[in-house]
C-alpha cells in the first residue's frame, strides 16, 4: 500500500542520496516513524552521481526547509570534505552517512553504519566479541563497521579489498584507536573466520561478481551483508547453501533509524 503524506509549506524535508538509489529502504522506515510520531516531515530519495555530488550539496545549503540527509553508496567517504563539521570518530573512519543541515546552512556529519551493524548483529543474538572477522571492503561502510567491531571486542580482523593500499590505510587508522587488535590486510580466503562480512556494494547490481571466495565458506560461520536490496544477495544464497548462518542487511538500517532521526532533528 502506498503511504499518503499531507505535505504543506510547513513540512520539513529530508533526503537520502545514492547512486543507484532504487534499492534504498530508508525512506519507508523513516517516513513511517515520522508519521507515527506526528512529525511533519518527509524523506525522499535523490539519485546523484559522484560527479554531481558537490553541486547537489551546495544547493541543499540554500533550502531553508531542508533538515538533513543520509548519504549512502558511493558518497559516504566524499561527504567528509563537503561537511562543515564532522565528529572525531567519523573523521578517523573517513566517512559520514548522516548529515544535519543547521539553520545557518552548515552541514554537520556523523557516521552511524558501524553502530547500526553491531546492534543489528546483537538483535539477532550474534555477539561478535572474541570472534575472528573477515571483512570484505575498505570503504566508508566497511571502515565504520571495522571500528564498531573493534569496539565490540573482536579477536582479530582480516580486511579484504581490491586495492591493498586502501585496506592498509584502514588498518593504520584502526591501530590508532585499537593498538592491541590484530589486523591482517593480505587475505587469501574467508576460511577460519567466525564472522564474514560483505561491506562492499558487490551484489547490489545484477551480474556483480561475488565479493569473496564462497567455496571457502564452511558450516558454522556467520555471513553478514550490508546490502538491503535484494534481501538475499548471491553471497547470502551461497553461504546458506554452504551451511552458514546468514544475516541480511536490513537490521543495520533498522537499528540506525532512531540514531539518524535524532541527528537530523526529525523527531518530536
C-alpha atoms as a PDB file:
ATOM      1  CA  UNK A   1       0.000   0.000   0.000  1.00  0.00           C
ATOM      2  CA  UNK A   2       1.294   3.476  -0.884  1.00  0.00           C
ATOM      3  CA  UNK A   3       1.594   5.897   2.032  1.00  0.00           C
ATOM      4  CA  UNK A   4      -0.122   9.289   1.733  1.00  0.00           C
ATOM      5  CA  UNK A   5       1.536  12.394   3.165  1.00  0.00           C
ATOM      6  CA  UNK A   6      -0.097  15.762   3.784  1.00  0.00           C
ATOM      7  CA  UNK A   7       2.797  17.889   2.538  1.00  0.00           C
ATOM      8  CA  UNK A   8       2.428  21.617   3.151  1.00  0.00           C
ATOM      9  CA  UNK A   9       4.636  24.693   3.241  1.00  0.00           C
ATOM     10  CA  UNK A  10       5.489  23.794   6.840  1.00  0.00           C
ATOM     11  CA  UNK A  11       6.677  20.255   6.074  1.00  0.00           C
ATOM     12  CA  UNK A  12      10.329  19.619   6.907  1.00  0.00           C
ATOM     13  CA  UNK A  13      12.244  17.986   4.047  1.00  0.00           C
ATOM     14  CA  UNK A  14      14.871  15.247   4.353  1.00  0.00           C
ATOM     15  CA  UNK A  15      16.598  13.016   1.816  1.00  0.00           C
ATOM     16  CA  UNK A  16      18.763  10.030   1.026  1.00  0.00           C
ATOM     17  CA  UNK A  17      21.462  10.416  -1.633  1.00  0.00           C
ATOM     18  CA  UNK A  18      22.751   7.405  -3.570  1.00  0.00           C
ATOM     19  CA  UNK A  19      23.849   6.057  -6.961  1.00  0.00           C
ATOM     20  CA  UNK A  20      21.921   3.903  -7.738  1.00  0.00           C
ATOM     21  CA  UNK A  21      19.003   4.757  -5.476  1.00  0.00           C
ATOM     22  CA  UNK A  22      16.315   2.178  -6.330  1.00  0.00           C
ATOM     23  CA  UNK A  23      17.444  -0.213  -3.585  1.00  0.00           C
ATOM     24  CA  UNK A  24      17.162   2.140  -0.601  1.00  0.00           C
ATOM     25  CA  UNK A  25      14.812   1.223   2.237  1.00  0.00           C
ATOM     26  CA  UNK A  26      15.413   4.243   4.438  1.00  0.00           C
ATOM     27  CA  UNK A  27      12.501   6.370   3.131  1.00  0.00           C
ATOM     28  CA  UNK A  28       9.967   3.711   4.068  1.00  0.00           C
ATOM     29  CA  UNK A  29      11.426   3.233   7.534  1.00  0.00           C
ATOM     30  CA  UNK A  30      11.869   6.899   8.459  1.00  0.00           C
ATOM     31  CA  UNK A  31       8.640   8.166   6.888  1.00  0.00           C
ATOM     32  CA  UNK A  32       6.665   5.557   8.800  1.00  0.00           C
ATOM     33  CA  UNK A  33       8.392   6.550  12.032  1.00  0.00           C
ATOM     34  CA  UNK A  34       7.822  10.286  11.465  1.00  0.00           C
ATOM     35  CA  UNK A  35       4.148   9.658  10.693  1.00  0.00           C
ATOM     36  CA  UNK A  36       3.729   7.539  13.811  1.00  0.00           C
ATOM     37  CA  UNK A  37       5.243  10.316  15.928  1.00  0.00           C
ATOM     38  CA  UNK A  38       3.151  13.040  14.316  1.00  0.00           C
ATOM     39  CA  UNK A  39       6.249  14.806  12.987  1.00  0.00           C
ATOM     40  CA  UNK A  40       5.554  16.994   9.941  1.00  0.00           C
ATOM     41  CA  UNK A  41       8.331  15.786   7.667  1.00  0.00           C
ATOM     42  CA  UNK A  42       9.067  13.639   4.632  1.00  0.00           C
ATOM     43  CA  UNK A  43      12.222  11.900   3.417  1.00  0.00           C
ATOM     44  CA  UNK A  44      12.695  11.322  -0.318  1.00  0.00           C
ATOM     45  CA  UNK A  45      15.389   9.596  -2.419  1.00  0.00           C
ATOM     46  CA  UNK A  46      17.808  11.581  -4.602  1.00  0.00           C
ATOM     47  CA  UNK A  47      19.702   9.855  -7.407  1.00  0.00           C
ATOM     48  CA  UNK A  48      23.005  11.748  -7.638  1.00  0.00           C
ATOM     49  CA  UNK A  49      26.166  10.561  -9.403  1.00  0.00           C
ATOM     50  CA  UNK A  50      29.578  11.175  -7.871  1.00  0.00           C
ATOM     51  CA  UNK A  51      30.455  13.968 -10.295  1.00  0.00           C
ATOM     52  CA  UNK A  52      27.354  15.916  -9.274  1.00  0.00           C
ATOM     53  CA  UNK A  53      27.577  15.455  -5.514  1.00  0.00           C
ATOM     54  CA  UNK A  54      29.333  18.724  -4.635  1.00  0.00           C
ATOM     55  CA  UNK A  55      26.866  20.836  -6.647  1.00  0.00           C
ATOM     56  CA  UNK A  56      23.939  18.946  -5.151  1.00  0.00           C
ATOM     57  CA  UNK A  57      25.165  19.505  -1.597  1.00  0.00           C
ATOM     58  CA  UNK A  58      25.764  23.199  -2.273  1.00  0.00           C
ATOM     59  CA  UNK A  59      22.121  23.519  -3.305  1.00  0.00           C
ATOM     60  CA  UNK A  60      20.896  21.834  -0.118  1.00  0.00           C
ATOM     61  CA  UNK A  61      22.563  24.534   1.959  1.00  0.00           C
ATOM     62  CA  UNK A  62      20.173  27.067   0.390  1.00  0.00           C
ATOM     63  CA  UNK A  63      16.971  25.143   1.184  1.00  0.00           C
ATOM     64  CA  UNK A  64      15.556  26.748   4.327  1.00  0.00           C
ATOM     65  CA  UNK A  65      13.047  23.927   4.905  1.00  0.00           C
ATOM     66  CA  UNK A  66      15.639  21.143   4.472  1.00  0.00           C
ATOM     67  CA  UNK A  67      16.663  19.358   7.670  1.00  0.00           C
ATOM     68  CA  UNK A  68      19.279  16.856   6.571  1.00  0.00           C
ATOM     69  CA  UNK A  69      20.036  13.777   4.564  1.00  0.00           C
ATOM     70  CA  UNK A  70      21.519  10.307   4.577  1.00  0.00           C
ATOM     71  CA  UNK A  71      24.446   9.538   2.271  1.00  0.00           C
ATOM     72  CA  UNK A  72      24.939   6.016   1.013  1.00  0.00           C
ATOM     73  CA  UNK A  73      26.834   4.200  -1.762  1.00  0.00           C
ATOM     74  CA  UNK A  74      29.065   5.664  -3.184  1.00  0.00           C
ATOM     75  CA  UNK A  75      29.035   9.002  -1.340  1.00  0.00           C
ATOM     76  CA  UNK A  76      29.955   8.280   2.296  1.00  0.00           C
ATOM     77  CA  UNK A  77      33.669   8.989   2.013  1.00  0.00           C
ATOM     78  CA  UNK A  78      33.235  12.017  -0.257  1.00  0.00           C
ATOM     79  CA  UNK A  79      30.844  13.668   2.191  1.00  0.00           C
ATOM     80  CA  UNK A  80      33.556  14.191   4.829  1.00  0.00           C
ATOM     81  CA  UNK A  81      35.124  17.017   2.824  1.00  0.00           C
ATOM     82  CA  UNK A  82      31.716  18.511   1.994  1.00  0.00           C
ATOM     83  CA  UNK A  83      30.605  18.865   5.626  1.00  0.00           C
ATOM     84  CA  UNK A  84      31.391  21.876   7.786  1.00  0.00           C
ATOM     85  CA  UNK A  85      31.785  19.759  10.903  1.00  0.00           C
ATOM     86  CA  UNK A  86      32.429  16.037  11.425  1.00  0.00           C
ATOM     87  CA  UNK A  87      32.791  14.295  14.782  1.00  0.00           C
ATOM     88  CA  UNK A  88      36.184  12.848  15.704  1.00  0.00           C
ATOM     89  CA  UNK A  89      35.226   9.178  15.262  1.00  0.00           C
ATOM     90  CA  UNK A  90      33.796   9.802  11.798  1.00  0.00           C
ATOM     91  CA  UNK A  91      36.903  11.690  10.724  1.00  0.00           C
ATOM     92  CA  UNK A  92      39.073   8.768  11.814  1.00  0.00           C
ATOM     93  CA  UNK A  93      36.757   6.368   9.971  1.00  0.00           C
ATOM     94  CA  UNK A  94      36.965   8.601   6.919  1.00  0.00           C
ATOM     95  CA  UNK A  95      33.262   8.683   6.096  1.00  0.00           C
ATOM     96  CA  UNK A  96      29.885  10.029   7.172  1.00  0.00           C
ATOM     97  CA  UNK A  97      26.409   8.763   6.353  1.00  0.00           C
ATOM     98  CA  UNK A  98      24.074  11.137   8.196  1.00  0.00           C
ATOM     99  CA  UNK A  99      24.200  14.908   7.764  1.00  0.00           C
ATOM    100  CA  UNK A 100      22.185  17.586   9.576  1.00  0.00           C
ATOM    101  CA  UNK A 101      21.572  20.975   7.979  1.00  0.00           C
ATOM    102  CA  UNK A 102      21.619  23.659  10.650  1.00  0.00           C
ATOM    103  CA  UNK A 103      19.506  26.832  10.225  1.00  0.00           C
ATOM    104  CA  UNK A 104      22.567  28.768   9.035  1.00  0.00           C
ATOM    105  CA  UNK A 105      23.201  26.223   6.246  1.00  0.00           C
ATOM    106  CA  UNK A 106      26.128  24.494   7.962  1.00  0.00           C
ATOM    107  CA  UNK A 107      26.280  20.726   7.422  1.00  0.00           C
ATOM    108  CA  UNK A 108      27.115  18.540  10.432  1.00  0.00           C
ATOM    109  CA  UNK A 109      28.057  14.929   9.643  1.00  0.00           C
ATOM    110  CA  UNK A 110      28.357  11.694  11.586  1.00  0.00           C
ATOM    111  CA  UNK A 111      28.783   8.001  10.779  1.00  0.00           C
ATOM    112  CA  UNK A 112      26.211   5.535  12.089  1.00  0.00           C
ATOM    113  CA  UNK A 113      26.766   2.429   9.928  1.00  0.00           C
ATOM    114  CA  UNK A 114      29.070   0.694  12.370  1.00  0.00           C
ATOM    115  CA  UNK A 115      26.913   1.153  15.426  1.00  0.00           C
ATOM    116  CA  UNK A 116      23.856   0.088  13.462  1.00  0.00           C
ATOM    117  CA  UNK A 117      25.597  -3.007  12.098  1.00  0.00           C
ATOM    118  CA  UNK A 118      26.785  -4.240  15.503  1.00  0.00           C
ATOM    119  CA  UNK A 119      23.417  -3.546  17.117  1.00  0.00           C
ATOM    120  CA  UNK A 120      21.794  -5.462  14.258  1.00  0.00           C
ATOM    121  CA  UNK A 121      24.008  -8.461  14.991  1.00  0.00           C
ATOM    122  CA  UNK A 122      23.216  -8.298  18.700  1.00  0.00           C
ATOM    123  CA  UNK A 123      19.484  -8.049  17.978  1.00  0.00           C
ATOM    124  CA  UNK A 124      19.816 -11.393  16.160  1.00  0.00           C
ATOM    125  CA  UNK A 125      21.730 -12.882  19.124  1.00  0.00           C
ATOM    126  CA  UNK A 126      25.047 -12.761  17.252  1.00  0.00           C
ATOM    127  CA  UNK A 127      27.732 -11.435  19.598  1.00  0.00           C
ATOM    128  CA  UNK A 128      30.945 -10.585  17.724  1.00  0.00           C
ATOM    129  CA  UNK A 129      33.061 -10.352  20.896  1.00  0.00           C
ATOM    130  CA  UNK A 130      36.019 -12.725  20.738  1.00  0.00           C
ATOM    131  CA  UNK A 131      35.376 -13.602  17.082  1.00  0.00           C
ATOM    132  CA  UNK A 132      37.806 -13.699  14.171  1.00  0.00           C
ATOM    133  CA  UNK A 133      36.258 -11.463  11.495  1.00  0.00           C
ATOM    134  CA  UNK A 134      36.760 -11.346   7.714  1.00  0.00           C
ATOM    135  CA  UNK A 135      35.675  -8.007   6.263  1.00  0.00           C
ATOM    136  CA  UNK A 136      35.246  -7.557   2.514  1.00  0.00           C
ATOM    137  CA  UNK A 137      35.717  -3.881   1.690  1.00  0.00           C
ATOM    138  CA  UNK A 138      37.599  -0.861   2.999  1.00  0.00           C
ATOM    139  CA  UNK A 139      35.275   1.977   2.019  1.00  0.00           C
ATOM    140  CA  UNK A 140      33.069   4.134   4.205  1.00  0.00           C
ATOM    141  CA  UNK A 141      30.673   1.476   5.476  1.00  0.00           C
ATOM    142  CA  UNK A 142      33.478  -1.055   5.889  1.00  0.00           C
ATOM    143  CA  UNK A 143      35.559   1.386   7.924  1.00  0.00           C
ATOM    144  CA  UNK A 144      32.652   2.207  10.214  1.00  0.00           C
ATOM    145  CA  UNK A 145      31.922  -1.481  10.720  1.00  0.00           C
ATOM    146  CA  UNK A 146      35.595  -2.224  11.392  1.00  0.00           C
ATOM    147  CA  UNK A 147      35.746   0.406  14.141  1.00  0.00           C
ATOM    148  CA  UNK A 148      32.461  -0.731  15.685  1.00  0.00           C
ATOM    149  CA  UNK A 149      33.552  -4.388  15.660  1.00  0.00           C
ATOM    150  CA  UNK A 150      36.856  -3.411  17.260  1.00  0.00           C
ATOM    151  CA  UNK A 151      34.940  -1.585  19.970  1.00  0.00           C
ATOM    152  CA  UNK A 152      32.753  -4.675  20.416  1.00  0.00           C
ATOM    153  CA  UNK A 153      35.830  -6.724  21.307  1.00  0.00           C
ATOM    154  CA  UNK A 154      36.525  -8.943  18.296  1.00  0.00           C
ATOM    155  CA  UNK A 155      39.627 -11.160  18.462  1.00  0.00           C
ATOM    156  CA  UNK A 156      41.093 -10.231  15.069  1.00  0.00           C
ATOM    157  CA  UNK A 157      40.190  -8.619  11.751  1.00  0.00           C
ATOM    158  CA  UNK A 158      41.116  -9.554   8.190  1.00  0.00           C
ATOM    159  CA  UNK A 159      40.446  -6.795   5.647  1.00  0.00           C
ATOM    160  CA  UNK A 160      39.969  -7.903   2.034  1.00  0.00           C
ATOM    161  CA  UNK A 161      39.923  -5.130  -0.535  1.00  0.00           C
ATOM    162  CA  UNK A 162      40.749  -4.902  -4.241  1.00  0.00           C
ATOM    163  CA  UNK A 163      43.122  -2.020  -3.506  1.00  0.00           C
ATOM    164  CA  UNK A 164      45.594  -3.154  -0.865  1.00  0.00           C
ATOM    165  CA  UNK A 165      46.643   0.426  -0.107  1.00  0.00           C
ATOM    166  CA  UNK A 166      43.119   1.290   0.963  1.00  0.00           C
ATOM    167  CA  UNK A 167      42.950  -1.754   3.247  1.00  0.00           C
ATOM    168  CA  UNK A 168      46.340  -0.824   4.732  1.00  0.00           C
ATOM    169  CA  UNK A 169      45.168   2.741   5.329  1.00  0.00           C
ATOM    170  CA  UNK A 170      42.124   1.451   7.208  1.00  0.00           C
ATOM    171  CA  UNK A 171      44.313  -0.898   9.248  1.00  0.00           C
ATOM    172  CA  UNK A 172      46.580   2.023  10.153  1.00  0.00           C
ATOM    173  CA  UNK A 173      43.645   4.130  11.329  1.00  0.00           C
ATOM    174  CA  UNK A 174      42.335   1.208  13.378  1.00  0.00           C
ATOM    175  CA  UNK A 175      45.713   0.801  15.051  1.00  0.00           C
ATOM    176  CA  UNK A 176      45.484   4.353  16.389  1.00  0.00           C
ATOM    177  CA  UNK A 177      42.288   3.637  18.267  1.00  0.00           C
ATOM    178  CA  UNK A 178      42.780  -0.092  18.923  1.00  0.00           C
ATOM    179  CA  UNK A 179      46.534  -0.816  19.050  1.00  0.00           C
ATOM    180  CA  UNK A 180      46.030  -4.319  20.510  1.00  0.00           C
ATOM    181  CA  UNK A 181      43.733  -5.536  17.720  1.00  0.00           C
ATOM    182  CA  UNK A 182      45.372  -7.976  15.302  1.00  0.00           C
ATOM    183  CA  UNK A 183      44.640  -6.779  11.755  1.00  0.00           C
ATOM    184  CA  UNK A 184      45.673  -8.502   8.501  1.00  0.00           C
ATOM    185  CA  UNK A 185      45.477  -6.968   5.027  1.00  0.00           C
ATOM    186  CA  UNK A 186      46.788  -9.907   2.982  1.00  0.00           C
ATOM    187  CA  UNK A 187      43.744 -12.190   2.976  1.00  0.00           C
ATOM    188  CA  UNK A 188      43.509 -15.271   0.811  1.00  0.00           C
ATOM    189  CA  UNK A 189      40.113 -16.635   1.849  1.00  0.00           C
ATOM    190  CA  UNK A 190      37.378 -16.281   4.484  1.00  0.00           C
ATOM    191  CA  UNK A 191      38.170 -19.740   5.849  1.00  0.00           C
ATOM    192  CA  UNK A 192      38.794 -19.885   9.588  1.00  0.00           C
ATOM    193  CA  UNK A 193      36.782 -16.781  10.446  1.00  0.00           C
ATOM    194  CA  UNK A 194      33.716 -16.976  12.650  1.00  0.00           C
ATOM    195  CA  UNK A 195      32.099 -13.893  11.125  1.00  0.00           C
ATOM    196  CA  UNK A 196      32.327 -12.987   7.428  1.00  0.00           C
ATOM    197  CA  UNK A 197      31.030  -9.547   6.419  1.00  0.00           C
ATOM    198  CA  UNK A 198      30.407  -8.104   2.968  1.00  0.00           C
ATOM    199  CA  UNK A 199      30.725  -4.329   3.321  1.00  0.00           C
ATOM    200  CA  UNK A 200      31.123  -3.699  -0.417  1.00  0.00           C
ATOM    201  CA  UNK A 201      28.441  -2.828  -2.961  1.00  0.00           C
ATOM    202  CA  UNK A 202      29.006  -6.121  -4.819  1.00  0.00           C
ATOM    203  CA  UNK A 203      25.649  -7.852  -5.007  1.00  0.00           C
ATOM    204  CA  UNK A 204      23.693  -4.655  -5.413  1.00  0.00           C
ATOM    205  CA  UNK A 205      23.577  -4.875  -9.208  1.00  0.00           C
ATOM    206  CA  UNK A 206      22.603  -7.901 -11.253  1.00  0.00           C
ATOM    207  CA  UNK A 207      25.715  -9.574 -12.609  1.00  0.00           C
ATOM    208  CA  UNK A 208      28.078  -8.306  -9.922  1.00  0.00           C
ATOM    209  CA  UNK A 209      30.912 -10.711  -9.067  1.00  0.00           C
ATOM    210  CA  UNK A 210      30.839 -12.264  -5.626  1.00  0.00           C
ATOM    211  CA  UNK A 211      32.758 -10.207  -3.037  1.00  0.00           C
ATOM    212  CA  UNK A 212      34.699 -13.213  -1.711  1.00  0.00           C
ATOM    213  CA  UNK A 213      35.538 -16.851  -2.400  1.00  0.00           C
ATOM    214  CA  UNK A 214      32.333 -18.640  -1.376  1.00  0.00           C
ATOM    215  CA  UNK A 215      33.943 -22.054  -1.984  1.00  0.00           C
ATOM    216  CA  UNK A 216      35.942 -21.440   1.208  1.00  0.00           C
ATOM    217  CA  UNK A 217      32.852 -20.918   3.389  1.00  0.00           C
ATOM    218  CA  UNK A 218      32.038 -23.677   5.856  1.00  0.00           C
ATOM    219  CA  UNK A 219      29.107 -24.626   8.043  1.00  0.00           C
ATOM    220  CA  UNK A 220      29.081 -22.798  11.362  1.00  0.00           C
ATOM    221  CA  UNK A 221      30.278 -19.451  10.028  1.00  0.00           C
ATOM    222  CA  UNK A 222      28.056 -16.366  10.176  1.00  0.00           C
ATOM    223  CA  UNK A 223      27.913 -14.487   6.856  1.00  0.00           C
ATOM    224  CA  UNK A 224      26.529 -10.953   7.063  1.00  0.00           C
ATOM    225  CA  UNK A 225      25.576  -8.355   4.461  1.00  0.00           C
ATOM    226  CA  UNK A 226      25.208  -4.588   4.394  1.00  0.00           C
ATOM    227  CA  UNK A 227      23.179  -4.694   1.148  1.00  0.00           C
ATOM    228  CA  UNK A 228      19.430  -4.435   1.714  1.00  0.00           C
ATOM    229  CA  UNK A 229      18.098  -4.962  -1.803  1.00  0.00           C
ATOM    230  CA  UNK A 230      17.994  -7.747  -2.768  1.00  0.00           C
ATOM    231  CA  UNK A 231      17.331  -9.033   0.732  1.00  0.00           C
ATOM    232  CA  UNK A 232      19.045 -12.321  -0.093  1.00  0.00           C
ATOM    233  CA  UNK A 233      22.105 -11.481  -2.163  1.00  0.00           C
ATOM    234  CA  UNK A 234      24.028 -14.052  -4.217  1.00  0.00           C
ATOM    235  CA  UNK A 235      26.576 -14.143  -1.380  1.00  0.00           C
ATOM    236  CA  UNK A 236      23.919 -14.981   1.198  1.00  0.00           C
ATOM    237  CA  UNK A 237      22.424 -17.636  -1.085  1.00  0.00           C
ATOM    238  CA  UNK A 238      25.834 -19.267  -1.494  1.00  0.00           C
ATOM    239  CA  UNK A 239      26.508 -19.024   2.237  1.00  0.00           C
ATOM    240  CA  UNK A 240      23.196 -20.655   3.078  1.00  0.00           C
ATOM    241  CA  UNK A 241      23.987 -23.468   0.649  1.00  0.00           C
ATOM    242  CA  UNK A 242      27.307 -23.961   2.445  1.00  0.00           C
ATOM    243  CA  UNK A 243      25.518 -24.367   5.775  1.00  0.00           C
ATOM    244  CA  UNK A 244      26.387 -20.928   7.144  1.00  0.00           C
ATOM    245  CA  UNK A 245      24.084 -18.793   9.230  1.00  0.00           C
ATOM    246  CA  UNK A 246      23.157 -15.715   7.198  1.00  0.00           C
ATOM    247  CA  UNK A 247      22.444 -12.193   8.408  1.00  0.00           C
ATOM    248  CA  UNK A 248      20.880  -9.735   5.913  1.00  0.00           C
ATOM    249  CA  UNK A 249      21.475  -6.013   5.615  1.00  0.00           C
ATOM    250  CA  UNK A 250      18.148  -4.665   6.847  1.00  0.00           C
ATOM    251  CA  UNK A 251      18.805  -4.995  10.623  1.00  0.00           C
ATOM    252  CA  UNK A 252      21.651  -2.485  10.274  1.00  0.00           C
ATOM    253  CA  UNK A 253      19.201   0.100   8.918  1.00  0.00           C
ATOM    254  CA  UNK A 254      16.508  -0.763  11.450  1.00  0.00           C
ATOM    255  CA  UNK A 255      18.932  -0.070  14.293  1.00  0.00           C
ATOM    256  CA  UNK A 256      20.130   3.164  12.684  1.00  0.00           C
ATOM    257  CA  UNK A 257      16.718   4.754  12.125  1.00  0.00           C
ATOM    258  CA  UNK A 258      16.392   6.246  15.601  1.00  0.00           C
ATOM    259  CA  UNK A 259      20.006   7.473  15.560  1.00  0.00           C
ATOM    260  CA  UNK A 260      19.559   9.066  12.135  1.00  0.00           C
ATOM    261  CA  UNK A 261      16.319  10.789  13.046  1.00  0.00           C
ATOM    262  CA  UNK A 262      17.816  12.180  16.234  1.00  0.00           C
ATOM    263  CA  UNK A 263      20.869  13.562  14.417  1.00  0.00           C
ATOM    264  CA  UNK A 264      18.768  15.246  11.723  1.00  0.00           C
ATOM    265  CA  UNK A 265      16.198  16.615  14.166  1.00  0.00           C
ATOM    266  CA  UNK A 266      13.420  14.519  12.644  1.00  0.00           C
ATOM    267  CA  UNK A 267      11.797  13.591  15.944  1.00  0.00           C
ATOM    268  CA  UNK A 268       9.244  15.271  18.146  1.00  0.00           C
END
